[in-house]
Protein backbone atom coordinates (compact mmCIF):
# COMPACT_ATOMS: atom_id res chain seq x y z
CA MET A 1 100.70 104.14 83.92
CA VAL A 2 99.90 100.37 84.74
CA ARG A 3 103.47 99.81 84.22
CA GLY A 4 104.77 102.41 86.45
CA VAL A 5 102.40 101.02 89.20
CA PHE A 6 103.70 97.66 88.93
CA ASP A 7 107.29 98.54 88.53
CA SER A 8 107.02 100.34 91.89
CA VAL A 9 105.51 97.62 93.90
CA ALA A 10 107.11 94.39 92.20
CA SER A 11 109.68 93.79 94.89
CA ARG A 12 107.13 93.98 97.71
CA TYR A 13 104.08 92.68 95.79
CA ASP A 14 103.91 88.99 97.45
CA ILE A 15 104.07 90.48 100.82
CA MET A 16 101.23 93.10 100.34
CA ASN A 17 99.07 90.23 98.77
CA ASP A 18 99.50 88.33 102.06
CA VAL A 19 98.85 91.50 104.06
CA MET A 20 95.98 93.12 102.07
CA SER A 21 93.95 89.72 101.70
CA ALA A 22 95.03 88.07 105.25
CA GLY A 23 96.48 85.33 103.01
CA LEU A 24 93.19 84.54 101.30
CA HIS A 25 94.75 85.27 97.92
CA ARG A 26 96.55 81.87 98.36
CA LEU A 27 93.00 79.95 98.83
CA TRP A 28 91.66 81.71 95.88
CA LYS A 29 94.66 80.54 93.69
CA ARG A 30 94.58 77.10 95.02
CA PHE A 31 90.83 77.11 94.08
CA THR A 32 91.70 78.17 90.58
CA VAL A 33 94.37 75.34 90.35
CA ASP A 34 91.83 72.66 91.43
CA GLN A 35 89.40 74.19 88.96
CA ALA A 36 91.81 74.08 85.96
CA ALA A 37 92.02 70.07 86.52
CA LEU A 38 95.18 69.96 84.32
CA LYS A 39 96.64 66.77 83.21
CA PRO A 40 100.35 65.66 82.65
CA GLY A 41 101.32 66.89 79.31
CA ASN A 42 98.81 70.03 79.08
CA VAL A 43 100.30 73.20 77.74
CA VAL A 44 99.25 76.20 79.84
CA LEU A 45 99.51 79.84 79.53
CA ASP A 46 99.60 82.03 82.80
CA LEU A 47 98.92 85.38 81.85
CA ALA A 48 99.65 88.60 84.04
CA GLY A 49 101.51 85.72 86.14
CA GLY A 50 103.67 88.12 87.91
CA THR A 51 105.55 86.40 90.51
CA GLY A 52 104.61 82.94 89.49
CA ASP A 53 102.22 81.70 92.19
CA LEU A 54 100.15 79.95 89.66
CA ALA A 55 102.88 78.86 87.30
CA ARG A 56 104.61 77.18 89.93
CA ALA A 57 101.40 75.07 90.78
CA PHE A 58 100.74 74.57 87.27
CA CYS A 59 104.20 73.05 86.50
CA GLY A 60 103.61 70.45 89.05
CA LYS A 61 100.35 69.49 87.57
CA VAL A 62 101.40 69.14 83.79
CA GLY A 63 104.61 67.31 84.75
CA LYS A 64 107.68 66.80 82.58
CA GLN A 65 105.52 66.12 79.52
CA GLY A 66 103.72 69.29 79.74
CA HIS A 67 104.68 73.07 79.48
CA VAL A 68 103.78 76.26 81.30
CA VAL A 69 104.38 79.71 79.79
CA LEU A 70 104.63 82.51 82.77
CA ALA A 71 103.58 85.72 80.95
CA ASP A 72 103.11 89.21 82.04
CA ILE A 73 103.50 92.58 80.18
CA ASN A 74 105.62 93.82 83.13
CA ALA A 75 109.31 93.09 83.10
CA ALA A 76 109.87 93.90 86.87
CA MET A 77 107.18 91.52 87.73
CA LEU A 78 108.78 88.88 85.49
CA ARG A 79 112.08 89.28 86.95
CA GLN A 80 110.56 88.64 90.48
CA GLY A 81 108.72 85.59 89.20
CA ARG A 82 111.68 84.16 87.56
CA ALA A 83 113.86 84.76 90.70
CA ARG A 84 111.04 82.95 92.80
CA LEU A 85 110.69 80.05 90.31
CA VAL A 86 114.31 79.41 90.15
CA ASP A 87 114.65 79.55 93.97
CA ALA A 88 111.81 76.87 94.03
CA GLY A 89 113.77 74.60 91.65
CA VAL A 90 111.14 74.88 88.98
CA ALA A 91 112.89 74.17 85.59
CA GLY A 92 112.43 72.12 82.15
CA ASN A 93 108.69 72.57 81.75
CA LEU A 94 108.56 76.39 82.15
CA SER A 95 108.98 79.38 79.71
CA ILE A 96 108.91 83.12 80.54
CA ALA A 97 107.66 85.60 78.18
CA GLN A 98 106.85 89.35 78.08
CA VAL A 99 103.54 89.82 76.27
CA ASP A 100 100.49 91.97 75.82
CA ALA A 101 97.27 90.11 76.56
CA GLN A 102 95.48 92.30 73.81
CA GLN A 103 97.63 90.61 71.04
CA LEU A 104 99.21 87.49 72.20
CA PRO A 105 102.05 86.29 69.97
CA PHE A 106 101.00 82.73 69.99
CA ALA A 107 99.83 80.36 67.29
CA ASP A 108 95.89 79.67 67.07
CA GLY A 109 95.08 76.63 69.29
CA THR A 110 98.22 76.43 71.43
CA PHE A 111 97.14 75.95 74.80
CA ASP A 112 95.04 73.66 77.00
CA CYS A 113 94.25 76.35 79.56
CA ILE A 114 94.90 80.00 79.95
CA SER A 115 94.72 81.79 83.30
CA MET A 116 94.68 85.29 84.23
CA ALA A 117 94.64 86.07 88.03
CA PHE A 118 94.09 89.77 89.13
CA GLY A 119 95.18 91.17 85.69
CA LEU A 120 92.15 91.70 83.51
CA ARG A 121 91.08 94.82 85.09
CA ASN A 122 94.52 96.45 84.17
CA VAL A 123 94.09 95.58 80.52
CA THR A 124 92.96 98.66 78.44
CA ASP A 125 90.91 96.52 75.96
CA LYS A 126 89.56 93.64 77.81
CA ASP A 127 87.32 92.48 74.84
CA ALA A 128 90.43 92.27 72.81
CA ALA A 129 92.29 90.21 75.60
CA LEU A 130 89.25 87.84 75.80
CA ARG A 131 89.30 87.05 72.06
CA SER A 132 93.16 86.79 71.83
CA MET A 133 92.59 84.24 74.71
CA TYR A 134 89.88 82.31 72.77
CA ARG A 135 92.06 82.16 69.87
CA CYS A 136 95.22 80.57 71.31
CA LEU A 137 92.98 77.84 73.03
CA LYS A 138 92.72 74.31 71.68
CA PRO A 139 89.28 73.19 70.89
CA GLY A 140 88.03 72.09 74.31
CA GLY A 141 90.64 74.29 76.02
CA LYS A 142 89.80 76.54 78.96
CA ALA A 143 89.92 79.97 80.12
CA MET A 144 90.19 81.09 83.51
CA VAL A 145 89.83 84.57 85.09
CA LEU A 146 90.37 85.25 88.71
CA GLU A 147 89.69 88.88 89.47
CA PHE A 148 88.07 91.22 92.09
CA SER A 149 84.41 91.64 91.46
CA GLU A 150 81.26 92.97 93.02
CA PRO A 151 80.96 92.08 96.63
CA ASN A 152 77.54 91.13 98.43
CA LYS A 153 75.73 94.28 99.45
CA ALA A 154 75.86 93.55 103.03
CA ILE A 155 79.75 93.86 103.12
CA LYS A 156 80.07 96.64 100.78
CA PRO A 157 80.37 99.63 103.03
CA ALA A 158 83.13 98.15 105.15
CA TYR A 159 84.82 96.72 101.76
CA ASP A 160 84.73 100.41 100.56
CA LEU A 161 86.08 101.79 103.54
CA TYR A 162 88.90 98.91 103.64
CA SER A 163 89.71 99.60 99.92
CA PHE A 164 90.07 103.42 99.97
CA LYS A 165 91.34 104.15 103.54
CA VAL A 166 93.18 101.11 104.96
CA LEU A 167 94.64 99.87 101.63
CA PRO A 168 96.64 102.92 100.45
CA THR A 169 97.85 103.33 104.17
CA LEU A 170 99.19 99.63 103.95
CA GLY A 171 100.72 100.48 100.83
CA LYS A 172 102.70 103.54 102.20
CA LEU A 173 103.74 101.63 105.25
CA ILE A 174 104.92 98.35 103.50
CA ALA A 175 105.53 98.95 99.67
CA LYS A 176 106.39 102.72 100.34
CA ASP A 177 103.91 103.47 97.63
CA SER A 178 100.35 104.63 98.46
CA ASP A 179 99.51 105.96 95.14
CA SER A 180 99.76 102.65 93.50
CA TYR A 181 97.47 101.06 96.08
CA GLN A 182 94.94 103.77 95.51
CA TYR A 183 95.05 103.02 91.93
CA LEU A 184 94.51 99.19 92.50
CA ALA A 185 91.61 100.03 94.70
CA GLU A 186 90.06 102.29 91.93
CA SER A 187 90.71 99.83 89.19
CA ILE A 188 88.91 97.16 90.98
CA ARG A 189 85.69 99.48 91.01
CA MET A 190 85.94 100.12 87.27
CA HIS A 191 86.12 96.29 86.76
CA PRO A 192 83.04 94.56 85.05
CA ASP A 193 80.78 92.86 87.75
CA GLN A 194 80.28 89.25 87.51
CA GLU A 195 77.32 88.92 84.98
CA THR A 196 78.90 91.64 82.87
CA LEU A 197 82.25 89.74 82.55
CA LYS A 198 80.28 86.34 81.99
CA ALA A 199 78.68 88.47 78.86
CA MET A 200 81.71 89.74 77.62
CA MET A 201 83.33 86.33 77.70
CA GLU A 202 80.19 84.90 75.81
CA THR A 203 80.65 87.74 73.17
CA ALA A 204 84.04 86.76 72.65
CA SER A 205 83.03 83.09 71.64
CA PHE A 206 83.49 81.19 74.74
CA GLU A 207 80.94 78.91 75.53
CA ARG A 208 79.56 77.03 78.82
CA CYS A 209 80.58 80.34 80.83
CA ARG A 210 80.26 80.29 84.44
CA TYR A 211 81.64 81.99 87.65
CA HIS A 212 82.25 81.03 91.27
CA ASN A 213 81.91 83.86 93.89
CA LEU A 214 84.49 83.84 96.65
CA ALA A 215 84.66 85.52 99.67
CA ALA A 216 81.08 86.85 99.28
CA GLY A 217 81.79 88.14 95.56
CA ILE A 218 84.84 90.22 96.61
CA VAL A 219 86.48 88.01 94.36
CA ALA A 220 85.04 85.72 91.28
CA LEU A 221 86.45 83.05 88.96
CA HIS A 222 85.11 83.11 85.62
CA ILE A 223 85.45 80.07 83.35
CA GLY A 224 84.73 79.62 79.72
CA TYR A 225 85.52 77.01 77.03
CA ARG A 226 86.44 77.08 73.46
CA VAL A 227 84.39 74.20 71.93
């Protein structure tokens, strides 16, 4: 079902992100890149990387000595990402891989940083994905999960109205697909809140776990380390 959703919206995914977040997703991703604090020569895995926003920024940070793997389970999203990155002139330090986050096909201790932006909520077994991310990190490596979360109670009624009424309408008008954006709104509500996800990361053996609330908690960036 999730594959069908993203097959349907892939060609208009970036436009919809700009419209439904009023461009804020770009600031959230910029914050994630800043928090990654990558260095030249680092090796990075961008899970659920879709159309390549984070991967493009990471490539600039790690330089020619480093490497970035843009990964997603959805082939249609990866095609969009590859096209965008080629158009942007990104080459040499980038690979593209179709993978399942629950069973990453990489050796233990491969990456200095693993990111996952707006993808964990679509994973069936989130605990398995977190364990797989931990295994693939080098000692001292960092995992970063940027995801919709539990907003401040003061804005929750307005947020619910927007999610279940406005968002599907925008999906119908722009992406020609209201059902997929209805699913996206529902998947956000099913995702663990900030403290729950932090506890899940700790259970998966991550240490020094923390999170940053963005946009009054509508989005949160979780960070954990393999020590």
